[in-house]
Amino acid sequence: MNAFARTPKPPYYAVIFTSQRTSGDNGYELMAEEMVRLAAHQPGFLGLESVRNPDGFGITVSYWTSEEAIRQWKDHTRHELARRVGREIWYEDFFVRVSKVERAYRFEQALSEDGAIRKEPY
């Protein structure tokens, strides 16, 4: 599985969620998995990238076609529940930032068929 979201050409929107977890799982992993599954079926959802370090600091970026799609996801009943429990139990601190992606660039290292790094461009 590729860790990079497959986004279209801009413009589109990104919701950047940075968080510091509390200790203990307390049902977090199950809810996080459910949120990913639900978001993937929401109109306007484009993809997701997420990482968390061993100390509990995480960054999740979800990509959306519009601000309206983001608002609809925010208002989803299960997502509202997850946000409430997050404030009460799962997070010490978090930030949510919403931005419009105007430009996007990618670098992908060229590999030969045997997996070695190519010295020459394609």
C-alpha atoms as a PDB file:
ATOM      1  CA  MET A   1       0.000   0.000   0.000  1.00  0.00           C
ATOM      2  CA  ASN A   2       1.272   3.463  -0.895  1.00  0.00           C
ATOM      3  CA  ALA A   3       1.416   5.875   2.059  1.00  0.00           C
ATOM      4  CA  PHE A   4       0.778   8.850  -0.226  1.00  0.00           C
ATOM      5  CA  ALA A   5      -2.786   9.937  -0.964  1.00  0.00           C
ATOM      6  CA  ARG A   6      -3.635   9.958  -4.658  1.00  0.00           C
ATOM      7  CA  THR A   7      -4.878  13.492  -5.108  1.00  0.00           C
ATOM      8  CA  PRO A   8      -6.001  15.137  -8.339  1.00  0.00           C
ATOM      9  CA  LYS A   9      -4.432  18.227  -9.829  1.00  0.00           C
ATOM     10  CA  PRO A  10      -5.086  21.270  -7.617  1.00  0.00           C
ATOM     11  CA  PRO A  11      -7.057  23.052  -6.470  1.00  0.00           C
ATOM     12  CA  TYR A  12      -8.424  20.961  -3.605  1.00  0.00           C
ATOM     13  CA  TYR A  13      -8.446  21.277   0.180  1.00  0.00           C
ATOM     14  CA  ALA A  14      -6.366  19.791   2.976  1.00  0.00           C
ATOM     15  CA  VAL A  15      -7.375  19.363   6.609  1.00  0.00           C
ATOM     16  CA  ILE A  16      -4.220  19.108   8.715  1.00  0.00           C
ATOM     17  CA  PHE A  17      -4.805  17.558  12.131  1.00  0.00           C
ATOM     18  CA  THR A  18      -1.787  17.618  14.448  1.00  0.00           C
ATOM     19  CA  SER A  19      -2.232  16.037  17.845  1.00  0.00           C
ATOM     20  CA  GLN A  20      -0.615  14.842  21.025  1.00  0.00           C
ATOM     21  CA  ARG A  21      -2.235  11.663  22.358  1.00  0.00           C
ATOM     22  CA  THR A  22      -2.814  10.832  25.990  1.00  0.00           C
ATOM     23  CA  SER A  23      -1.344   7.567  27.282  1.00  0.00           C
ATOM     24  CA  GLY A  24      -3.278   4.340  26.788  1.00  0.00           C
ATOM     25  CA  ASP A  25      -5.433   3.287  23.860  1.00  0.00           C
ATOM     26  CA  ASN A  26      -8.860   3.635  25.510  1.00  0.00           C
ATOM     27  CA  GLY A  27     -10.628   2.585  22.289  1.00  0.00           C
ATOM     28  CA  TYR A  28      -8.721   5.054  20.128  1.00  0.00           C
ATOM     29  CA  GLU A  29      -7.422   2.623  17.482  1.00  0.00           C
ATOM     30  CA  LEU A  30     -10.856   1.145  16.787  1.00  0.00           C
ATOM     31  CA  MET A  31     -12.405   4.587  16.413  1.00  0.00           C
ATOM     32  CA  ALA A  32      -9.523   5.840  14.256  1.00  0.00           C
ATOM     33  CA  GLU A  33      -9.967   2.867  11.902  1.00  0.00           C
ATOM     34  CA  GLU A  34     -13.705   3.508  11.742  1.00  0.00           C
ATOM     35  CA  MET A  35     -13.128   7.200  10.956  1.00  0.00           C
ATOM     36  CA  VAL A  36     -10.813   6.306   8.053  1.00  0.00           C
ATOM     37  CA  ARG A  37     -13.396   3.869   6.648  1.00  0.00           C
ATOM     38  CA  LEU A  38     -16.244   6.369   7.024  1.00  0.00           C
ATOM     39  CA  ALA A  39     -14.293   9.298   5.590  1.00  0.00           C
ATOM     40  CA  ALA A  40     -13.342   7.229   2.543  1.00  0.00           C
ATOM     41  CA  HIS A  41     -17.056   6.923   1.691  1.00  0.00           C
ATOM     42  CA  GLN A  42     -17.915  10.597   2.154  1.00  0.00           C
ATOM     43  CA  PRO A  43     -18.659  12.719  -0.910  1.00  0.00           C
ATOM     44  CA  GLY A  44     -15.623  14.831  -1.728  1.00  0.00           C
ATOM     45  CA  PHE A  45     -13.043  12.716   0.121  1.00  0.00           C
ATOM     46  CA  LEU A  46      -9.809  12.402  -1.893  1.00  0.00           C
ATOM     47  CA  GLY A  47      -7.402  10.618   0.434  1.00  0.00           C
ATOM     48  CA  LEU A  48      -5.503  10.575   3.694  1.00  0.00           C
ATOM     49  CA  GLU A  49      -1.921  10.513   4.980  1.00  0.00           C
ATOM     50  CA  SER A  50      -1.201   9.847   8.650  1.00  0.00           C
ATOM     51  CA  VAL A  51       1.809   9.263  10.924  1.00  0.00           C
ATOM     52  CA  ARG A  52       2.346   9.072  14.689  1.00  0.00           C
ATOM     53  CA  ASN A  53       5.598   8.815  16.617  1.00  0.00           C
ATOM     54  CA  PRO A  54       6.168   6.608  19.699  1.00  0.00           C
ATOM     55  CA  ASP A  55       5.632   9.613  22.005  1.00  0.00           C
ATOM     56  CA  GLY A  56       2.084  10.053  20.684  1.00  0.00           C
ATOM     57  CA  PHE A  57       2.602  13.092  18.440  1.00  0.00           C
ATOM     58  CA  GLY A  58       0.699  12.620  15.179  1.00  0.00           C
ATOM     59  CA  ILE A  59      -0.078  14.363  11.920  1.00  0.00           C
ATOM     60  CA  THR A  60      -3.030  13.401   9.746  1.00  0.00           C
ATOM     61  CA  VAL A  61      -3.769  15.202   6.499  1.00  0.00           C
ATOM     62  CA  SER A  62      -7.056  14.492   4.762  1.00  0.00           C
ATOM     63  CA  TYR A  63      -7.774  15.829   1.286  1.00  0.00           C
ATOM     64  CA  TRP A  64     -11.163  17.043   0.069  1.00  0.00           C
ATOM     65  CA  THR A  65     -12.711  18.504  -3.064  1.00  0.00           C
ATOM     66  CA  SER A  66     -14.357  21.452  -1.304  1.00  0.00           C
ATOM     67  CA  GLU A  67     -14.926  23.263   1.959  1.00  0.00           C
ATOM     68  CA  GLU A  68     -18.527  22.042   1.839  1.00  0.00           C
ATOM     69  CA  ALA A  69     -17.325  18.413   1.770  1.00  0.00           C
ATOM     70  CA  ILE A  70     -15.139  19.177   4.801  1.00  0.00           C
ATOM     71  CA  ARG A  71     -18.111  20.708   6.657  1.00  0.00           C
ATOM     72  CA  GLN A  72     -20.291  17.701   5.869  1.00  0.00           C
ATOM     73  CA  TRP A  73     -17.618  15.362   7.249  1.00  0.00           C
ATOM     74  CA  LYS A  74     -17.257  17.538  10.353  1.00  0.00           C
ATOM     75  CA  ASP A  75     -21.023  17.260  10.921  1.00  0.00           C
ATOM     76  CA  HIS A  76     -21.161  13.461  10.427  1.00  0.00           C
ATOM     77  CA  THR A  77     -22.714  11.915  13.560  1.00  0.00           C
ATOM     78  CA  ARG A  78     -19.929   9.378  14.204  1.00  0.00           C
ATOM     79  CA  HIS A  79     -17.250  11.982  13.533  1.00  0.00           C
ATOM     80  CA  GLU A  80     -18.935  14.320  16.030  1.00  0.00           C
ATOM     81  CA  LEU A  81     -18.794  11.505  18.609  1.00  0.00           C
ATOM     82  CA  ALA A  82     -15.112  10.826  17.861  1.00  0.00           C
ATOM     83  CA  ARG A  83     -14.289  14.524  18.250  1.00  0.00           C
ATOM     84  CA  ARG A  84     -16.102  14.688  21.595  1.00  0.00           C
ATOM     85  CA  VAL A  85     -14.367  11.578  22.971  1.00  0.00           C
ATOM     86  CA  GLY A  86     -11.077  12.893  21.601  1.00  0.00           C
ATOM     87  CA  ARG A  87     -11.415  16.061  23.661  1.00  0.00           C
ATOM     88  CA  GLU A  88     -12.463  14.110  26.767  1.00  0.00           C
ATOM     89  CA  ILE A  89     -10.059  11.135  26.638  1.00  0.00           C
ATOM     90  CA  TRP A  90      -7.668  10.686  23.691  1.00  0.00           C
ATOM     91  CA  TYR A  91      -5.877  14.007  23.203  1.00  0.00           C
ATOM     92  CA  GLU A  92      -3.762  16.235  25.413  1.00  0.00           C
ATOM     93  CA  ASP A  93      -3.633  18.878  22.691  1.00  0.00           C
ATOM     94  CA  PHE A  94      -4.479  19.244  19.011  1.00  0.00           C
ATOM     95  CA  PHE A  95      -4.676  21.710  16.137  1.00  0.00           C
ATOM     96  CA  VAL A  96      -6.934  21.596  13.077  1.00  0.00           C
ATOM     97  CA  ARG A  97      -5.901  23.648  10.082  1.00  0.00           C
ATOM     98  CA  VAL A  98      -7.771  23.864   6.782  1.00  0.00           C
ATOM     99  CA  SER A  99      -6.001  25.047   3.665  1.00  0.00           C
ATOM    100  CA  LYS A 100      -6.560  25.251  -0.052  1.00  0.00           C
ATOM    101  CA  VAL A 101      -3.929  23.426  -2.091  1.00  0.00           C
ATOM    102  CA  GLU A 102      -3.044  25.655  -5.021  1.00  0.00           C
ATOM    103  CA  ARG A 103       0.047  23.770  -6.215  1.00  0.00           C
ATOM    104  CA  ALA A 104       1.396  20.261  -5.645  1.00  0.00           C
ATOM    105  CA  TYR A 105       4.713  18.727  -6.656  1.00  0.00           C
ATOM    106  CA  ARG A 106       6.082  15.211  -6.449  1.00  0.00           C
ATOM    107  CA  PHE A 107       9.483  13.568  -6.638  1.00  0.00           C
ATOM    108  CA  GLU A 108       9.691   9.833  -7.121  1.00  0.00           C
ATOM    109  CA  GLN A 109      13.106   8.249  -7.292  1.00  0.00           C
ATOM    110  CA  ALA A 110      13.504   6.311 -10.523  1.00  0.00           C
ATOM    111  CA  LEU A 111      14.248   2.632  -9.923  1.00  0.00           C
ATOM    112  CA  SER A 112      15.322   0.062 -12.459  1.00  0.00           C
ATOM    113  CA  GLU A 113      13.452  -3.229 -12.784  1.00  0.00           C
ATOM    114  CA  ASP A 114      15.856  -4.888 -10.307  1.00  0.00           C
ATOM    115  CA  GLY A 115      15.150  -2.166  -7.705  1.00  0.00           C
ATOM    116  CA  ALA A 116      18.450  -0.303  -8.117  1.00  0.00           C
ATOM    117  CA  ILE A 117      18.456   3.486  -8.383  1.00  0.00           C
ATOM    118  CA  ARG A 118      18.730   4.566 -12.007  1.00  0.00           C
ATOM    119  CA  LYS A 119      21.628   6.831 -12.864  1.00  0.00           C
ATOM    120  CA  GLU A 120      19.952   8.121 -16.001  1.00  0.00           C
ATOM    121  CA  PRO A 121      16.497   9.606 -16.320  1.00  0.00           C
ATOM    122  CA  TYR A 122      13.915   7.435 -18.045  1.00  0.00           C
END
